Amino acid sequence: MFSIEHEFDSTIVTLVDEGSAHLQEDIAINLFEDCITIEQLDPRTDKVEKITLSMRQAEDLAAALDLPEGVYVVARDDTA
């Protein structure tokens, strides 16, 4: 299950791990104009861990989800 919320400066996608076995904490993905942050509560420390991706890293991740094992370079038009 997931939810989508629109805030003033970002869109927040929350992923909820549903199922009967070994559920993980919810993940909040904040989509800003220039970066994407991914946050998840670490129940061992009771702190939220945050990872920040550049837009280029996010594009690479999206491309990687549909590719087989290997090393790739994404061709980009950097003139825009």
N, C-alpha and C. Protein backbone atom coordinates (compact mmCIF):
# COMPACT_ATOMS: atom_id res chain seq x y z
N MET A 1 0.85 -1.17 0.00
CA MET A 1 0.00 0.00 0.00
C MET A 1 0.89 1.23 0.00
N PHE A 2 0.43 2.29 -0.61
CA PHE A 2 1.16 3.54 -0.57
C PHE A 2 0.20 4.71 -0.59
N SER A 3 0.70 5.87 -0.16
CA SER A 3 -0.10 7.10 -0.21
C SER A 3 0.74 8.18 -0.88
N ILE A 4 0.05 9.18 -1.44
CA ILE A 4 0.69 10.32 -2.08
C ILE A 4 0.08 11.59 -1.50
N GLU A 5 0.95 12.50 -1.04
CA GLU A 5 0.49 13.77 -0.49
C GLU A 5 1.28 14.89 -1.16
N HIS A 6 0.62 16.01 -1.43
CA HIS A 6 1.28 17.16 -2.02
C HIS A 6 1.42 18.24 -0.94
N GLU A 7 2.67 18.63 -0.68
CA GLU A 7 2.97 19.70 0.27
C GLU A 7 3.36 20.95 -0.52
N PHE A 8 3.69 22.02 0.19
CA PHE A 8 4.07 23.27 -0.46
C PHE A 8 5.25 23.11 -1.41
N ASP A 9 6.33 22.45 -0.94
CA ASP A 9 7.55 22.37 -1.75
C ASP A 9 7.94 20.96 -2.16
N SER A 10 7.08 19.98 -1.89
CA SER A 10 7.43 18.61 -2.25
C SER A 10 6.19 17.74 -2.38
N THR A 11 6.39 16.58 -2.97
CA THR A 11 5.38 15.52 -2.99
C THR A 11 5.93 14.40 -2.14
N ILE A 12 5.10 13.85 -1.26
CA ILE A 12 5.54 12.79 -0.35
C ILE A 12 4.81 11.50 -0.70
N VAL A 13 5.59 10.47 -0.98
CA VAL A 13 5.05 9.14 -1.23
C VAL A 13 5.45 8.29 -0.02
N THR A 14 4.47 7.67 0.62
CA THR A 14 4.74 6.80 1.76
C THR A 14 4.43 5.37 1.36
N LEU A 15 5.42 4.49 1.54
CA LEU A 15 5.26 3.07 1.23
C LEU A 15 5.06 2.30 2.53
N VAL A 16 3.98 1.52 2.61
CA VAL A 16 3.66 0.73 3.79
C VAL A 16 3.90 -0.73 3.45
N ASP A 17 4.72 -1.41 4.26
CA ASP A 17 5.05 -2.81 4.04
C ASP A 17 3.94 -3.67 4.63
N GLU A 18 3.08 -4.19 3.77
CA GLU A 18 1.96 -5.02 4.22
C GLU A 18 2.29 -6.49 4.04
N GLY A 19 1.84 -7.29 4.93
CA GLY A 19 2.05 -8.72 4.81
C GLY A 19 2.15 -9.37 6.18
N SER A 20 2.21 -10.68 6.18
CA SER A 20 2.19 -11.39 7.45
C SER A 20 3.58 -11.67 8.00
N ALA A 21 4.63 -11.61 7.16
CA ALA A 21 5.96 -11.98 7.64
C ALA A 21 6.94 -10.81 7.55
N HIS A 22 7.73 -10.60 8.59
CA HIS A 22 8.84 -9.66 8.66
C HIS A 22 8.54 -8.31 8.01
N LEU A 23 7.65 -7.55 8.59
CA LEU A 23 7.30 -6.24 8.05
C LEU A 23 8.35 -5.21 8.43
N GLN A 24 8.65 -4.33 7.52
CA GLN A 24 9.60 -3.25 7.75
C GLN A 24 8.83 -1.97 8.08
N GLU A 25 9.52 -0.99 8.62
CA GLU A 25 8.92 0.30 8.93
C GLU A 25 8.52 1.01 7.62
N ASP A 26 7.54 1.91 7.70
CA ASP A 26 7.12 2.69 6.54
C ASP A 26 8.31 3.47 5.98
N ILE A 27 8.27 3.73 4.68
CA ILE A 27 9.28 4.54 4.02
C ILE A 27 8.59 5.78 3.47
N ALA A 28 9.16 6.96 3.77
CA ALA A 28 8.65 8.21 3.23
C ALA A 28 9.63 8.72 2.18
N ILE A 29 9.11 8.95 0.98
CA ILE A 29 9.93 9.46 -0.12
C ILE A 29 9.46 10.88 -0.40
N ASN A 30 10.37 11.84 -0.21
CA ASN A 30 10.05 13.25 -0.43
C ASN A 30 10.66 13.69 -1.75
N LEU A 31 9.81 14.10 -2.69
CA LEU A 31 10.27 14.51 -4.01
C LEU A 31 10.29 16.04 -4.08
N PHE A 32 11.51 16.59 -4.09
CA PHE A 32 11.69 18.03 -4.19
C PHE A 32 12.07 18.38 -5.63
N GLU A 33 12.23 19.65 -5.91
CA GLU A 33 12.59 20.10 -7.25
C GLU A 33 13.99 19.61 -7.65
N ASP A 34 14.93 19.58 -6.70
CA ASP A 34 16.32 19.27 -7.03
C ASP A 34 16.87 17.99 -6.42
N CYS A 35 16.10 17.30 -5.60
CA CYS A 35 16.57 16.06 -4.99
C CYS A 35 15.39 15.24 -4.47
N ILE A 36 15.70 14.02 -4.08
CA ILE A 36 14.71 13.13 -3.48
C ILE A 36 15.30 12.61 -2.19
N THR A 37 14.52 12.65 -1.10
CA THR A 37 14.98 12.07 0.15
C THR A 37 14.13 10.86 0.48
N ILE A 38 14.78 9.87 1.09
CA ILE A 38 14.11 8.65 1.51
C ILE A 38 14.34 8.52 3.01
N GLU A 39 13.26 8.38 3.78
CA GLU A 39 13.37 8.32 5.24
C GLU A 39 12.69 7.07 5.77
N GLN A 40 13.31 6.46 6.78
CA GLN A 40 12.73 5.29 7.43
C GLN A 40 13.16 5.29 8.89
N LEU A 41 12.22 4.99 9.77
CA LEU A 41 12.51 4.89 11.20
C LEU A 41 13.31 3.62 11.46
N ASP A 42 14.41 3.76 12.21
CA ASP A 42 15.18 2.60 12.66
C ASP A 42 14.67 2.25 14.05
N PRO A 43 13.92 1.17 14.19
CA PRO A 43 13.32 0.85 15.50
C PRO A 43 14.35 0.52 16.58
N ARG A 44 15.57 0.15 16.18
CA ARG A 44 16.62 -0.15 17.17
C ARG A 44 17.11 1.10 17.86
N THR A 45 17.21 2.21 17.11
CA THR A 45 17.71 3.47 17.67
C THR A 45 16.61 4.50 17.89
N ASP A 46 15.42 4.22 17.37
CA ASP A 46 14.28 5.14 17.42
C ASP A 46 14.61 6.47 16.74
N LYS A 47 15.46 6.42 15.71
CA LYS A 47 15.81 7.60 14.93
C LYS A 47 15.43 7.38 13.47
N VAL A 48 15.10 8.46 12.79
CA VAL A 48 14.78 8.39 11.37
C VAL A 48 16.08 8.49 10.58
N GLU A 49 16.33 7.52 9.72
CA GLU A 49 17.49 7.53 8.84
C GLU A 49 17.07 8.18 7.51
N LYS A 50 17.94 9.03 6.97
CA LYS A 50 17.61 9.74 5.72
C LYS A 50 18.71 9.55 4.69
N ILE A 51 18.29 9.29 3.46
CA ILE A 51 19.19 9.20 2.31
C ILE A 51 18.72 10.26 1.31
N THR A 52 19.67 11.00 0.74
CA THR A 52 19.34 12.01 -0.27
C THR A 52 19.92 11.57 -1.61
N LEU A 53 19.06 11.58 -2.63
CA LEU A 53 19.47 11.24 -3.99
C LEU A 53 19.37 12.48 -4.86
N SER A 54 20.37 12.68 -5.73
CA SER A 54 20.24 13.72 -6.75
C SER A 54 19.20 13.22 -7.75
N MET A 55 18.72 14.12 -8.58
CA MET A 55 17.75 13.72 -9.59
C MET A 55 18.38 12.72 -10.56
N ARG A 56 19.67 12.88 -10.86
CA ARG A 56 20.37 11.95 -11.75
C ARG A 56 20.43 10.56 -11.12
N GLN A 57 20.73 10.48 -9.82
CA GLN A 57 20.75 9.18 -9.14
C GLN A 57 19.38 8.53 -9.17
N ALA A 58 18.33 9.32 -8.98
CA ALA A 58 16.97 8.78 -9.00
C ALA A 58 16.63 8.25 -10.39
N GLU A 59 17.04 8.96 -11.43
CA GLU A 59 16.82 8.49 -12.80
C GLU A 59 17.55 7.18 -13.05
N ASP A 60 18.80 7.08 -12.56
CA ASP A 60 19.57 5.85 -12.71
C ASP A 60 18.89 4.70 -11.97
N LEU A 61 18.40 4.96 -10.78
CA LEU A 61 17.71 3.92 -10.01
C LEU A 61 16.47 3.44 -10.75
N ALA A 62 15.70 4.37 -11.30
CA ALA A 62 14.49 3.98 -12.04
C ALA A 62 14.85 3.12 -13.25
N ALA A 63 15.92 3.48 -13.94
CA ALA A 63 16.35 2.69 -15.10
C ALA A 63 16.84 1.31 -14.66
N ALA A 64 17.53 1.24 -13.53
CA ALA A 64 18.10 -0.02 -13.05
C ALA A 64 17.04 -1.04 -12.66
N LEU A 65 15.87 -0.58 -12.29
CA LEU A 65 14.82 -1.50 -11.85
C LEU A 65 14.36 -2.45 -12.94
N ASP A 66 14.57 -2.08 -14.21
CA ASP A 66 14.11 -2.90 -15.33
C ASP A 66 15.23 -3.56 -16.12
N LEU A 67 16.45 -3.58 -15.57
CA LEU A 67 17.58 -4.12 -16.31
C LEU A 67 18.15 -5.37 -15.64
N PRO A 68 18.77 -6.25 -16.42
CA PRO A 68 19.43 -7.42 -15.83
C PRO A 68 20.75 -7.01 -15.18
N GLU A 69 21.40 -7.95 -14.52
CA GLU A 69 22.68 -7.71 -13.87
C GLU A 69 23.70 -7.17 -14.86
N GLY A 70 24.52 -6.21 -14.41
CA GLY A 70 25.54 -5.64 -15.27
C GLY A 70 25.90 -4.24 -14.84
N VAL A 71 26.79 -3.60 -15.59
CA VAL A 71 27.19 -2.21 -15.35
C VAL A 71 26.73 -1.40 -16.55
N TYR A 72 26.09 -0.27 -16.28
CA TYR A 72 25.48 0.52 -17.34
C TYR A 72 25.85 2.00 -17.21
N VAL A 73 25.86 2.69 -18.33
CA VAL A 73 25.97 4.14 -18.38
C VAL A 73 24.72 4.63 -19.09
N VAL A 74 23.99 5.53 -18.46
CA VAL A 74 22.76 6.05 -19.05
C VAL A 74 23.11 7.21 -19.96
N ALA A 75 22.69 7.12 -21.22
CA ALA A 75 22.92 8.21 -22.18
C ALA A 75 21.94 9.33 -21.88
N ARG A 76 22.47 10.55 -21.75
CA ARG A 76 21.63 11.70 -21.43
C ARG A 76 21.91 12.83 -22.40
N ASP A 77 20.89 13.64 -22.61
CA ASP A 77 21.06 14.88 -23.35
C ASP A 77 21.23 15.97 -22.31
N ASP A 78 22.46 16.36 -22.02
CA ASP A 78 22.75 17.34 -20.97
C ASP A 78 22.66 18.78 -21.46
N THR A 79 22.10 19.01 -22.63
CA THR A 79 21.99 20.36 -23.15
C THR A 79 20.81 21.11 -22.56
N ALA A 80 19.88 20.37 -21.95
CA ALA A 80 18.68 21.03 -21.42
C ALA A 80 18.93 21.63 -20.07
